[in-house]
């Protein structure tokens, strides 16, 4: 059985924390995404999650996004998603989360908010 992989890099930029995810988000890797989002939200700055390099996105990942969208609303810290495409965008559309979450075409637009 092939192991799924996910990497999430974090970078502090003026006025935001940027997370860049690459690989697959599924039931095995969603906890890594949750942990990185938790760390990022600790800064109290807008969190920009770049999903452009994510190839697969399962329901476990959707749960993490909803969880941190709600945490962000409670704390006044926005979660902004960059460039979801492919399976990520299909999953967001299928669950109508495209109407709830803040989606941006590129990193610059997300940073401007």
PDB file of N, CA and C in Angstrom:
ATOM      1  N   UNK A   1       0.838  -1.175   0.000  1.00  0.00           N
ATOM      2  CA  UNK A   1       0.000   0.000   0.000  1.00  0.00           C
ATOM      3  C   UNK A   1       0.888   1.246   0.000  1.00  0.00           C
ATOM      4  N   UNK A   2       0.579   2.168  -0.885  1.00  0.00           N
ATOM      5  CA  UNK A   2       1.370   3.378  -1.011  1.00  0.00           C
ATOM      6  C   UNK A   2       0.985   4.382   0.066  1.00  0.00           C
ATOM      7  N   UNK A   3       1.986   5.006   0.657  1.00  0.00           N
ATOM      8  CA  UNK A   3       1.751   5.989   1.705  1.00  0.00           C
ATOM      9  C   UNK A   3       1.412   7.340   1.075  1.00  0.00           C
ATOM     10  N   UNK A   4       0.374   7.985   1.601  1.00  0.00           N
ATOM     11  CA  UNK A   4       0.038   9.316   1.106  1.00  0.00           C
ATOM     12  C   UNK A   4       0.939  10.332   1.774  1.00  0.00           C
ATOM     13  N   UNK A   5       1.237  11.384   1.047  1.00  0.00           N
ATOM     14  CA  UNK A   5       2.139  12.379   1.591  1.00  0.00           C
ATOM     15  C   UNK A   5       1.530  13.767   1.487  1.00  0.00           C
ATOM     16  N   UNK A   6       1.855  14.570   2.466  1.00  0.00           N
ATOM     17  CA  UNK A   6       1.458  15.963   2.491  1.00  0.00           C
ATOM     18  C   UNK A   6       2.580  16.740   3.149  1.00  0.00           C
ATOM     19  N   UNK A   7       2.944  17.849   2.546  1.00  0.00           N
ATOM     20  CA  UNK A   7       3.858  18.771   3.193  1.00  0.00           C
ATOM     21  C   UNK A   7       3.146  20.109   3.305  1.00  0.00           C
ATOM     22  N   UNK A   8       3.376  20.786   4.413  1.00  0.00           N
ATOM     23  CA  UNK A   8       2.794  22.107   4.624  1.00  0.00           C
ATOM     24  C   UNK A   8       3.902  23.001   5.169  1.00  0.00           C
ATOM     25  N   UNK A   9       4.295  23.979   4.360  1.00  0.00           N
ATOM     26  CA  UNK A   9       5.326  24.923   4.772  1.00  0.00           C
ATOM     27  C   UNK A   9       4.666  26.208   5.238  1.00  0.00           C
ATOM     28  N   UNK A  10       5.245  26.817   6.258  1.00  0.00           N
ATOM     29  CA  UNK A  10       4.703  28.040   6.838  1.00  0.00           C
ATOM     30  C   UNK A  10       5.686  29.181   6.649  1.00  0.00           C
ATOM     31  N   UNK A  11       5.137  30.357   6.343  1.00  0.00           N
ATOM     32  CA  UNK A  11       5.968  31.540   6.187  1.00  0.00           C
ATOM     33  C   UNK A  11       5.216  32.744   6.750  1.00  0.00           C
ATOM     34  N   UNK A  12       5.890  33.503   7.590  1.00  0.00           N
ATOM     35  CA  UNK A  12       5.321  34.748   8.079  1.00  0.00           C
ATOM     36  C   UNK A  12       5.680  35.851   7.102  1.00  0.00           C
ATOM     37  N   UNK A  13       4.680  36.547   6.613  1.00  0.00           N
ATOM     38  CA  UNK A  13       4.879  37.692   5.729  1.00  0.00           C
ATOM     39  C   UNK A  13       4.211  38.885   6.409  1.00  0.00           C
ATOM     40  N   UNK A  14       4.523  40.108   5.987  1.00  0.00           N
ATOM     41  CA  UNK A  14       3.886  41.260   6.630  1.00  0.00           C
ATOM     42  C   UNK A  14       2.357  41.169   6.566  1.00  0.00           C
ATOM     43  N   UNK A  15       1.749  41.089   7.737  1.00  0.00           N
ATOM     44  CA  UNK A  15       0.295  41.091   7.830  1.00  0.00           C
ATOM     45  C   UNK A  15      -0.403  39.764   7.664  1.00  0.00           C
ATOM     46  N   UNK A  16       0.321  38.656   7.541  1.00  0.00           N
ATOM     47  CA  UNK A  16      -0.344  37.359   7.357  1.00  0.00           C
ATOM     48  C   UNK A  16       0.630  36.213   7.619  1.00  0.00           C
ATOM     49  N   UNK A  17       0.052  35.036   7.793  1.00  0.00           N
ATOM     50  CA  UNK A  17       0.816  33.792   7.824  1.00  0.00           C
ATOM     51  C   UNK A  17       0.394  33.005   6.590  1.00  0.00           C
ATOM     52  N   UNK A  18       1.371  32.604   5.786  1.00  0.00           N
ATOM     53  CA  UNK A  18       1.101  31.859   4.564  1.00  0.00           C
ATOM     54  C   UNK A  18       1.486  30.399   4.771  1.00  0.00           C
ATOM     55  N   UNK A  19       0.551  29.505   4.482  1.00  0.00           N
ATOM     56  CA  UNK A  19       0.810  28.069   4.502  1.00  0.00           C
ATOM     57  C   UNK A  19       0.724  27.564   3.066  1.00  0.00           C
ATOM     58  N   UNK A  20       1.720  26.793   2.650  1.00  0.00           N
ATOM     59  CA  UNK A  20       1.713  26.202   1.314  1.00  0.00           C
ATOM     60  C   UNK A  20       1.636  24.686   1.462  1.00  0.00           C
ATOM     61  N   UNK A  21       0.511  24.137   1.013  1.00  0.00           N
ATOM     62  CA  UNK A  21       0.295  22.693   1.110  1.00  0.00           C
ATOM     63  C   UNK A  21       0.606  22.042  -0.236  1.00  0.00           C
ATOM     64  N   UNK A  22       1.206  20.867  -0.168  1.00  0.00           N
ATOM     65  CA  UNK A  22       1.521  20.122  -1.383  1.00  0.00           C
ATOM     66  C   UNK A  22       1.314  18.641  -1.122  1.00  0.00           C
ATOM     67  N   UNK A  23       0.622  17.968  -2.038  1.00  0.00           N
ATOM     68  CA  UNK A  23       0.415  16.531  -1.914  1.00  0.00           C
ATOM     69  C   UNK A  23      -1.050  16.180  -1.807  1.00  0.00           C
ATOM     70  N   UNK A  24      -1.353  15.303  -0.872  1.00  0.00           N
ATOM     71  CA  UNK A  24      -2.705  14.788  -0.718  1.00  0.00           C
ATOM     72  C   UNK A  24      -3.212  15.013   0.702  1.00  0.00           C
ATOM     73  N   UNK A  25      -4.459  15.460   0.792  1.00  0.00           N
ATOM     74  CA  UNK A  25      -5.103  15.625   2.092  1.00  0.00           C
ATOM     75  C   UNK A  25      -6.178  14.547   2.194  1.00  0.00           C
ATOM     76  N   UNK A  26      -5.987  13.638   3.112  1.00  0.00           N
ATOM     77  CA  UNK A  26      -6.939  12.554   3.333  1.00  0.00           C
ATOM     78  C   UNK A  26      -7.007  12.260   4.823  1.00  0.00           C
ATOM     79  N   UNK A  27      -7.620  11.159   5.188  1.00  0.00           N
ATOM     80  CA  UNK A  27      -7.787  10.853   6.612  1.00  0.00           C
ATOM     81  C   UNK A  27      -6.452  10.650   7.323  1.00  0.00           C
ATOM     82  N   UNK A  28      -5.409  10.305   6.578  1.00  0.00           N
ATOM     83  CA  UNK A  28      -4.095  10.096   7.187  1.00  0.00           C
ATOM     84  C   UNK A  28      -3.320  11.394   7.364  1.00  0.00           C
ATOM     85  N   UNK A  29      -3.536  12.356   6.477  1.00  0.00           N
ATOM     86  CA  UNK A  29      -2.731  13.576   6.496  1.00  0.00           C
ATOM     87  C   UNK A  29      -3.480  14.810   7.006  1.00  0.00           C
ATOM     88  N   UNK A  30      -4.773  14.707   7.201  1.00  0.00           N
ATOM     89  CA  UNK A  30      -5.571  15.858   7.646  1.00  0.00           C
ATOM     90  C   UNK A  30      -5.096  16.385   8.997  1.00  0.00           C
ATOM     91  N   UNK A  31      -4.594  15.509   9.844  1.00  0.00           N
ATOM     92  CA  UNK A  31      -4.124  15.947  11.163  1.00  0.00           C
ATOM     93  C   UNK A  31      -2.905  16.866  11.041  1.00  0.00           C
ATOM     94  N   UNK A  32      -2.047  16.610  10.065  1.00  0.00           N
ATOM     95  CA  UNK A  32      -0.910  17.492   9.813  1.00  0.00           C
ATOM     96  C   UNK A  32      -1.410  18.882   9.406  1.00  0.00           C
ATOM     97  N   UNK A  33      -2.388  18.930   8.513  1.00  0.00           N
ATOM     98  CA  UNK A  33      -2.968  20.206   8.089  1.00  0.00           C
ATOM     99  C   UNK A  33      -3.590  20.928   9.280  1.00  0.00           C
ATOM    100  N   UNK A  34      -4.314  20.193  10.113  1.00  0.00           N
ATOM    101  CA  UNK A  34      -4.945  20.777  11.310  1.00  0.00           C
ATOM    102  C   UNK A  34      -3.878  21.384  12.234  1.00  0.00           C
ATOM    103  N   UNK A  35      -2.800  20.667  12.455  1.00  0.00           N
ATOM    104  CA  UNK A  35      -1.738  21.151  13.324  1.00  0.00           C
ATOM    105  C   UNK A  35      -1.082  22.418  12.787  1.00  0.00           C
ATOM    106  N   UNK A  36      -0.828  22.454  11.485  1.00  0.00           N
ATOM    107  CA  UNK A  36      -0.212  23.638  10.876  1.00  0.00           C
ATOM    108  C   UNK A  36      -1.163  24.833  10.930  1.00  0.00           C
ATOM    109  N   UNK A  37      -2.454  24.604  10.711  1.00  0.00           N
ATOM    110  CA  UNK A  37      -3.427  25.693  10.819  1.00  0.00           C
ATOM    111  C   UNK A  37      -3.515  26.193  12.253  1.00  0.00           C
ATOM    112  N   UNK A  38      -3.472  25.287  13.211  1.00  0.00           N
ATOM    113  CA  UNK A  38      -3.525  25.676  14.620  1.00  0.00           C
ATOM    114  C   UNK A  38      -2.353  26.587  14.969  1.00  0.00           C
ATOM    115  N   UNK A  39      -1.154  26.214  14.529  1.00  0.00           N
ATOM    116  CA  UNK A  39       0.025  27.049  14.761  1.00  0.00           C
ATOM    117  C   UNK A  39      -0.134  28.417  14.106  1.00  0.00           C
ATOM    118  N   UNK A  40      -0.598  28.422  12.874  1.00  0.00           N
ATOM    119  CA  UNK A  40      -0.736  29.673  12.127  1.00  0.00           C
ATOM    120  C   UNK A  40      -1.752  30.602  12.781  1.00  0.00           C
ATOM    121  N   UNK A  41      -2.854  30.059  13.252  1.00  0.00           N
ATOM    122  CA  UNK A  41      -3.886  30.880  13.879  1.00  0.00           C
ATOM    123  C   UNK A  41      -3.415  31.462  15.203  1.00  0.00           C
ATOM    124  N   UNK A  42      -2.389  30.867  15.805  1.00  0.00           N
ATOM    125  CA  UNK A  42      -1.837  31.384  17.048  1.00  0.00           C
ATOM    126  C   UNK A  42      -1.212  32.761  16.895  1.00  0.00           C
ATOM    127  N   UNK A  43      -0.854  33.137  15.673  1.00  0.00           N
ATOM    128  CA  UNK A  43      -0.228  34.440  15.436  1.00  0.00           C
ATOM    129  C   UNK A  43      -1.229  35.587  15.456  1.00  0.00           C
ATOM    130  N   UNK A  44      -2.527  35.262  15.323  1.00  0.00           N
ATOM    131  CA  UNK A  44      -3.547  36.306  15.335  1.00  0.00           C
ATOM    132  C   UNK A  44      -3.619  37.126  14.056  1.00  0.00           C
ATOM    133  N   UNK A  45      -2.942  36.670  13.007  1.00  0.00           N
ATOM    134  CA  UNK A  45      -2.944  37.342  11.712  1.00  0.00           C
ATOM    135  C   UNK A  45      -3.791  36.543  10.724  1.00  0.00           C
ATOM    136  N   UNK A  46      -4.250  37.180   9.632  1.00  0.00           N
ATOM    137  CA  UNK A  46      -4.934  36.402   8.598  1.00  0.00           C
ATOM    138  C   UNK A  46      -4.077  35.209   8.173  1.00  0.00           C
ATOM    139  N   UNK A  47      -4.735  34.091   7.922  1.00  0.00           N
ATOM    140  CA  UNK A  47      -4.047  32.878   7.493  1.00  0.00           C
ATOM    141  C   UNK A  47      -4.410  32.615   6.038  1.00  0.00           C
ATOM    142  N   UNK A  48      -3.381  32.519   5.204  1.00  0.00           N
ATOM    143  CA  UNK A  48      -3.556  32.254   3.782  1.00  0.00           C
ATOM    144  C   UNK A  48      -3.055  30.840   3.516  1.00  0.00           C
ATOM    145  N   UNK A  49      -3.955  29.982   3.060  1.00  0.00           N
ATOM    146  CA  UNK A  49      -3.624  28.583   2.785  1.00  0.00           C
ATOM    147  C   UNK A  49      -3.606  28.374   1.275  1.00  0.00           C
ATOM    148  N   UNK A  50      -2.413  28.164   0.741  1.00  0.00           N
ATOM    149  CA  UNK A  50      -2.236  27.956  -0.694  1.00  0.00           C
ATOM    150  C   UNK A  50      -2.422  26.473  -1.000  1.00  0.00           C
ATOM    151  N   UNK A  51      -3.467  26.167  -1.752  1.00  0.00           N
ATOM    152  CA  UNK A  51      -3.804  24.783  -2.076  1.00  0.00           C
ATOM    153  C   UNK A  51      -3.474  24.428  -3.524  1.00  0.00           C
ATOM    154  N   UNK A  52      -2.747  25.301  -4.208  1.00  0.00           N
ATOM    155  CA  UNK A  52      -2.511  25.094  -5.640  1.00  0.00           C
ATOM    156  C   UNK A  52      -1.718  23.823  -5.950  1.00  0.00           C
ATOM    157  N   UNK A  53      -0.944  23.317  -5.008  1.00  0.00           N
ATOM    158  CA  UNK A  53      -0.150  22.105  -5.249  1.00  0.00           C
ATOM    159  C   UNK A  53      -0.766  20.859  -4.610  1.00  0.00           C
ATOM    160  N   UNK A  54      -2.016  20.967  -4.169  1.00  0.00           N
ATOM    161  CA  UNK A  54      -2.699  19.807  -3.585  1.00  0.00           C
ATOM    162  C   UNK A  54      -3.377  19.031  -4.711  1.00  0.00           C
ATOM    163  N   UNK A  55      -3.068  17.741  -4.804  1.00  0.00           N
ATOM    164  CA  UNK A  55      -3.560  16.899  -5.890  1.00  0.00           C
ATOM    165  C   UNK A  55      -4.845  16.161  -5.543  1.00  0.00           C
ATOM    166  N   UNK A  56      -5.059  15.909  -4.259  1.00  0.00           N
ATOM    167  CA  UNK A  56      -6.234  15.151  -3.811  1.00  0.00           C
ATOM    168  C   UNK A  56      -6.697  15.737  -2.494  1.00  0.00           C
ATOM    169  N   UNK A  57      -8.018  15.861  -2.345  1.00  0.00           N
ATOM    170  CA  UNK A  57      -8.564  16.482  -1.142  1.00  0.00           C
ATOM    171  C   UNK A  57      -9.814  15.725  -0.725  1.00  0.00           C
ATOM    172  N   UNK A  58      -9.717  14.966   0.351  1.00  0.00           N
ATOM    173  CA  UNK A  58     -10.833  14.145   0.827  1.00  0.00           C
ATOM    174  C   UNK A  58     -11.682  14.911   1.843  1.00  0.00           C
ATOM    175  N   UNK A  59     -12.763  14.299   2.258  1.00  0.00           N
ATOM    176  CA  UNK A  59     -13.696  14.934   3.197  1.00  0.00           C
ATOM    177  C   UNK A  59     -13.037  15.289   4.525  1.00  0.00           C
ATOM    178  N   UNK A  60     -12.017  14.547   4.923  1.00  0.00           N
ATOM    179  CA  UNK A  60     -11.312  14.885   6.168  1.00  0.00           C
ATOM    180  C   UNK A  60     -10.688  16.273   6.059  1.00  0.00           C
ATOM    181  N   UNK A  61     -10.198  16.626   4.897  1.00  0.00           N
ATOM    182  CA  UNK A  61      -9.641  17.948   4.673  1.00  0.00           C
ATOM    183  C   UNK A  61     -10.711  19.024   4.707  1.00  0.00           C
ATOM    184  N   UNK A  62     -11.869  18.714   4.146  1.00  0.00           N
ATOM    185  CA  UNK A  62     -12.981  19.666   4.178  1.00  0.00           C
ATOM    186  C   UNK A  62     -13.381  19.973   5.617  1.00  0.00           C
ATOM    187  N   UNK A  63     -13.391  18.959   6.448  1.00  0.00           N
ATOM    188  CA  UNK A  63     -13.728  19.153   7.861  1.00  0.00           C
ATOM    189  C   UNK A  63     -12.740  20.105   8.536  1.00  0.00           C
ATOM    190  N   UNK A  64     -11.466  19.967   8.203  1.00  0.00           N
ATOM    191  CA  UNK A  64     -10.440  20.841   8.776  1.00  0.00           C
ATOM    192  C   UNK A  64     -10.663  22.280   8.310  1.00  0.00           C
ATOM    193  N   UNK A  65     -10.968  22.466   7.036  1.00  0.00           N
ATOM    194  CA  UNK A  65     -11.215  23.814   6.525  1.00  0.00           C
ATOM    195  C   UNK A  65     -12.405  24.473   7.208  1.00  0.00           C
ATOM    196  N   UNK A  66     -13.486  23.725   7.368  1.00  0.00           N
ATOM    197  CA  UNK A  66     -14.674  24.265   8.044  1.00  0.00           C
ATOM    198  C   UNK A  66     -14.341  24.593   9.499  1.00  0.00           C
ATOM    199  N   UNK A  67     -13.640  23.695  10.170  1.00  0.00           N
ATOM    200  CA  UNK A  67     -13.251  23.919  11.562  1.00  0.00           C
ATOM    201  C   UNK A  67     -12.476  25.228  11.717  1.00  0.00           C
ATOM    202  N   UNK A  68     -11.494  25.441  10.849  1.00  0.00           N
ATOM    203  CA  UNK A  68     -10.663  26.643  10.989  1.00  0.00           C
ATOM    204  C   UNK A  68     -11.324  27.888  10.417  1.00  0.00           C
ATOM    205  N   UNK A  69     -12.246  27.730   9.503  1.00  0.00           N
ATOM    206  CA  UNK A  69     -13.055  28.873   9.075  1.00  0.00           C
ATOM    207  C   UNK A  69     -13.872  29.380  10.269  1.00  0.00           C
ATOM    208  N   UNK A  70     -14.492  28.465  11.007  1.00  0.00           N
ATOM    209  CA  UNK A  70     -15.297  28.838  12.177  1.00  0.00           C
ATOM    210  C   UNK A  70     -14.435  29.410  13.296  1.00  0.00           C
ATOM    211  N   UNK A  71     -13.271  28.806  13.535  1.00  0.00           N
ATOM    212  CA  UNK A  71     -12.344  29.340  14.541  1.00  0.00           C
ATOM    213  C   UNK A  71     -11.945  30.757  14.149  1.00  0.00           C
ATOM    214  N   UNK A  72     -11.658  30.949  12.875  1.00  0.00           N
ATOM    215  CA  UNK A  72     -11.286  32.267  12.394  1.00  0.00           C
ATOM    216  C   UNK A  72     -12.389  33.291  12.580  1.00  0.00           C
ATOM    217  N   UNK A  73     -13.623  32.895  12.308  1.00  0.00           N
ATOM    218  CA  UNK A  73     -14.744  33.807  12.531  1.00  0.00           C
ATOM    219  C   UNK A  73     -14.857  34.181  14.001  1.00  0.00           C
ATOM    220  N   UNK A  74     -14.696  33.205  14.888  1.00  0.00           N
ATOM    221  CA  UNK A  74     -14.777  33.473  16.329  1.00  0.00           C
ATOM    222  C   UNK A  74     -13.680  34.412  16.800  1.00  0.00           C
ATOM    223  N   UNK A  75     -12.485  34.272  16.235  1.00  0.00           N
ATOM    224  CA  UNK A  75     -11.330  35.060  16.672  1.00  0.00           C
ATOM    225  C   UNK A  75     -11.115  36.336  15.862  1.00  0.00           C
ATOM    226  N   UNK A  76     -11.888  36.511  14.805  1.00  0.00           N
ATOM    227  CA  UNK A  76     -11.677  37.650  13.929  1.00  0.00           C
ATOM    228  C   UNK A  76     -10.422  37.515  13.091  1.00  0.00           C
ATOM    229  N   UNK A  77     -10.051  36.270  12.786  1.00  0.00           N
ATOM    230  CA  UNK A  77      -8.855  35.972  11.999  1.00  0.00           C
ATOM    231  C   UNK A  77      -9.314  35.229  10.740  1.00  0.00           C
ATOM    232  N   UNK A  78      -9.234  35.887   9.579  1.00  0.00           N
ATOM    233  CA  UNK A  78      -9.736  35.234   8.372  1.00  0.00           C
ATOM    234  C   UNK A  78      -8.848  34.097   7.879  1.00  0.00           C
ATOM    235  N   UNK A  79      -9.500  33.086   7.306  1.00  0.00           N
ATOM    236  CA  UNK A  79      -8.827  32.005   6.595  1.00  0.00           C
ATOM    237  C   UNK A  79      -9.105  32.232   5.123  1.00  0.00           C
ATOM    238  N   UNK A  80      -8.042  32.388   4.343  1.00  0.00           N
ATOM    239  CA  UNK A  80      -8.172  32.636   2.911  1.00  0.00           C
ATOM    240  C   UNK A  80      -7.516  31.494   2.149  1.00  0.00           C
ATOM    241  N   UNK A  81      -8.239  30.931   1.190  1.00  0.00           N
ATOM    242  CA  UNK A  81      -7.735  29.811   0.403  1.00  0.00           C
ATOM    243  C   UNK A  81      -7.284  30.297  -0.966  1.00  0.00           C
ATOM    244  N   UNK A  82      -6.108  29.858  -1.377  1.00  0.00           N
ATOM    245  CA  UNK A  82      -5.553  30.265  -2.663  1.00  0.00           C
ATOM    246  C   UNK A  82      -5.625  29.119  -3.659  1.00  0.00           C
ATOM    247  N   UNK A  83      -6.182  29.434  -4.810  1.00  0.00           N
ATOM    248  CA  UNK A  83      -6.099  28.607  -6.002  1.00  0.00           C
ATOM    249  C   UNK A  83      -6.510  27.151  -5.838  1.00  0.00           C
ATOM    250  N   UNK A  84      -7.625  26.898  -5.171  1.00  0.00           N
ATOM    251  CA  UNK A  84      -8.064  25.497  -5.154  1.00  0.00           C
ATOM    252  C   UNK A  84      -8.480  25.082  -6.561  1.00  0.00           C
ATOM    253  N   UNK A  85      -8.011  23.935  -7.001  1.00  0.00           N
ATOM    254  CA  UNK A  85      -8.362  23.436  -8.331  1.00  0.00           C
ATOM    255  C   UNK A  85      -8.469  21.926  -8.283  1.00  0.00           C
ATOM    256  N   UNK A  86      -8.838  21.340  -9.372  1.00  0.00           N
ATOM    257  CA  UNK A  86      -8.926  19.893  -9.467  1.00  0.00           C
ATOM    258  C   UNK A  86      -9.848  19.314  -8.408  1.00  0.00           C
ATOM    259  N   UNK A  87      -9.362  18.286  -7.730  1.00  0.00           N
ATOM    260  CA  UNK A  87     -10.200  17.599  -6.741  1.00  0.00           C
ATOM    261  C   UNK A  87     -10.553  18.512  -5.572  1.00  0.00           C
ATOM    262  N   UNK A  88      -9.686  19.479  -5.265  1.00  0.00           N
ATOM    263  CA  UNK A  88      -9.979  20.403  -4.162  1.00  0.00           C
ATOM    264  C   UNK A  88     -11.192  21.249  -4.520  1.00  0.00           C
ATOM    265  N   UNK A  89     -11.170  21.838  -5.697  1.00  0.00           N
ATOM    266  CA  UNK A  89     -12.281  22.688  -6.116  1.00  0.00           C
ATOM    267  C   UNK A  89     -13.557  21.878  -6.291  1.00  0.00           C
ATOM    268  N   UNK A  90     -13.448  20.675  -6.835  1.00  0.00           N
ATOM    269  CA  UNK A  90     -14.636  19.815  -6.984  1.00  0.00           C
ATOM    270  C   UNK A  90     -15.262  19.519  -5.624  1.00  0.00           C
ATOM    271  N   UNK A  91     -14.432  19.217  -4.638  1.00  0.00           N
ATOM    272  CA  UNK A  91     -14.944  18.920  -3.298  1.00  0.00           C
ATOM    273  C   UNK A  91     -15.602  20.155  -2.684  1.00  0.00           C
ATOM    274  N   UNK A  92     -14.997  21.323  -2.866  1.00  0.00           N
ATOM    275  CA  UNK A  92     -15.574  22.553  -2.317  1.00  0.00           C
ATOM    276  C   UNK A  92     -16.898  22.884  -2.998  1.00  0.00           C
ATOM    277  N   UNK A  93     -16.968  22.691  -4.314  1.00  0.00           N
ATOM    278  CA  UNK A  93     -18.215  22.962  -5.038  1.00  0.00           C
ATOM    279  C   UNK A  93     -19.306  21.971  -4.659  1.00  0.00           C
ATOM    280  N   UNK A  94     -18.943  20.700  -4.545  1.00  0.00           N
ATOM    281  CA  UNK A  94     -19.929  19.659  -4.238  1.00  0.00           C
ATOM    282  C   UNK A  94     -20.578  19.876  -2.879  1.00  0.00           C
ATOM    283  N   UNK A  95     -19.851  20.480  -1.968  1.00  0.00           N
ATOM    284  CA  UNK A  95     -20.376  20.716  -0.621  1.00  0.00           C
ATOM    285  C   UNK A  95     -20.847  22.163  -0.436  1.00  0.00           C
ATOM    286  N   UNK A  96     -20.841  22.938  -1.514  1.00  0.00           N
ATOM    287  CA  UNK A  96     -21.193  24.367  -1.531  1.00  0.00           C
ATOM    288  C   UNK A  96     -20.321  25.206  -0.592  1.00  0.00           C
ATOM    289  N   UNK A  97     -19.162  24.709  -0.228  1.00  0.00           N
ATOM    290  CA  UNK A  97     -18.253  25.492   0.609  1.00  0.00           C
ATOM    291  C   UNK A  97     -17.645  26.659  -0.158  1.00  0.00           C
ATOM    292  N   UNK A  98     -17.760  26.644  -1.494  1.00  0.00           N
ATOM    293  CA  UNK A  98     -17.305  27.787  -2.281  1.00  0.00           C
ATOM    294  C   UNK A  98     -18.094  29.043  -1.916  1.00  0.00           C
ATOM    295  N   UNK A  99     -19.287  28.860  -1.367  1.00  0.00           N
ATOM    296  CA  UNK A  99     -20.123  29.993  -0.967  1.00  0.00           C
ATOM    297  C   UNK A  99     -19.801  30.475   0.451  1.00  0.00           C
ATOM    298  N   UNK A 100     -19.076  29.675   1.209  1.00  0.00           N
ATOM    299  CA  UNK A 100     -18.783  29.998   2.612  1.00  0.00           C
ATOM    300  C   UNK A 100     -17.338  30.438   2.816  1.00  0.00           C
ATOM    301  N   UNK A 101     -16.416  29.725   2.195  1.00  0.00           N
ATOM    302  CA  UNK A 101     -14.994  29.988   2.391  1.00  0.00           C
ATOM    303  C   UNK A 101     -14.521  31.098   1.452  1.00  0.00           C
ATOM    304  N   UNK A 102     -13.470  31.798   1.865  1.00  0.00           N
ATOM    305  CA  UNK A 102     -12.892  32.869   1.051  1.00  0.00           C
ATOM    306  C   UNK A 102     -11.864  32.285   0.097  1.00  0.00           C
ATOM    307  N   UNK A 103     -12.178  32.297  -1.211  1.00  0.00           N
ATOM    308  CA  UNK A 103     -11.312  31.727  -2.232  1.00  0.00           C
ATOM    309  C   UNK A 103     -10.681  32.836  -3.071  1.00  0.00           C
ATOM    310  N   UNK A 104      -9.408  32.664  -3.401  1.00  0.00           N
ATOM    311  CA  UNK A 104      -8.666  33.649  -4.187  1.00  0.00           C
ATOM    312  C   UNK A 104      -7.915  32.931  -5.307  1.00  0.00           C
ATOM    313  N   UNK A 105      -7.731  33.634  -6.437  1.00  0.00           N
ATOM    314  CA  UNK A 105      -7.054  33.045  -7.580  1.00  0.00           C
ATOM    315  C   UNK A 105      -5.555  32.935  -7.390  1.00  0.00           C
ATOM    316  N   UNK A 106      -4.966  33.872  -6.633  1.00  0.00           N
ATOM    317  CA  UNK A 106      -3.521  33.823  -6.436  1.00  0.00           C
ATOM    318  C   UNK A 106      -3.146  34.369  -5.058  1.00  0.00           C
ATOM    319  N   UNK A 107      -1.891  34.198  -4.711  1.00  0.00           N
ATOM    320  CA  UNK A 107      -1.403  34.568  -3.390  1.00  0.00           C
ATOM    321  C   UNK A 107      -1.509  36.077  -3.160  1.00  0.00           C
ATOM    322  N   UNK A 108      -1.155  36.870  -4.163  1.00  0.00           N
ATOM    323  CA  UNK A 108      -1.229  38.330  -3.992  1.00  0.00           C
ATOM    324  C   UNK A 108      -2.636  38.787  -3.658  1.00  0.00           C
ATOM    325  N   UNK A 109      -3.629  38.256  -4.360  1.00  0.00           N
ATOM    326  CA  UNK A 109      -5.025  38.629  -4.091  1.00  0.00           C
ATOM    327  C   UNK A 109      -5.428  38.230  -2.680  1.00  0.00           C
ATOM    328  N   UNK A 110      -5.000  37.051  -2.247  1.00  0.00           N
ATOM    329  CA  UNK A 110      -5.336  36.578  -0.901  1.00  0.00           C
ATOM    330  C   UNK A 110      -4.679  37.454   0.164  1.00  0.00           C
ATOM    331  N   UNK A 111      -3.460  37.875  -0.083  1.00  0.00           N
ATOM    332  CA  UNK A 111      -2.777  38.726   0.885  1.00  0.00           C
ATOM    333  C   UNK A 111      -3.439  40.098   0.995  1.00  0.00           C
ATOM    334  N   UNK A 112      -3.956  40.594  -0.123  1.00  0.00           N
ATOM    335  CA  UNK A 112      -4.680  41.861  -0.086  1.00  0.00           C
ATOM    336  C   UNK A 112      -6.027  41.705   0.603  1.00  0.00           C
ATOM    337  N   UNK A 113      -6.582  40.489   0.531  1.00  0.00           N
ATOM    338  CA  UNK A 113      -7.843  40.178   1.195  1.00  0.00           C
ATOM    339  C   UNK A 113      -8.993  40.945   0.634  1.00  0.00           C
TER     340      UNK A 113
END
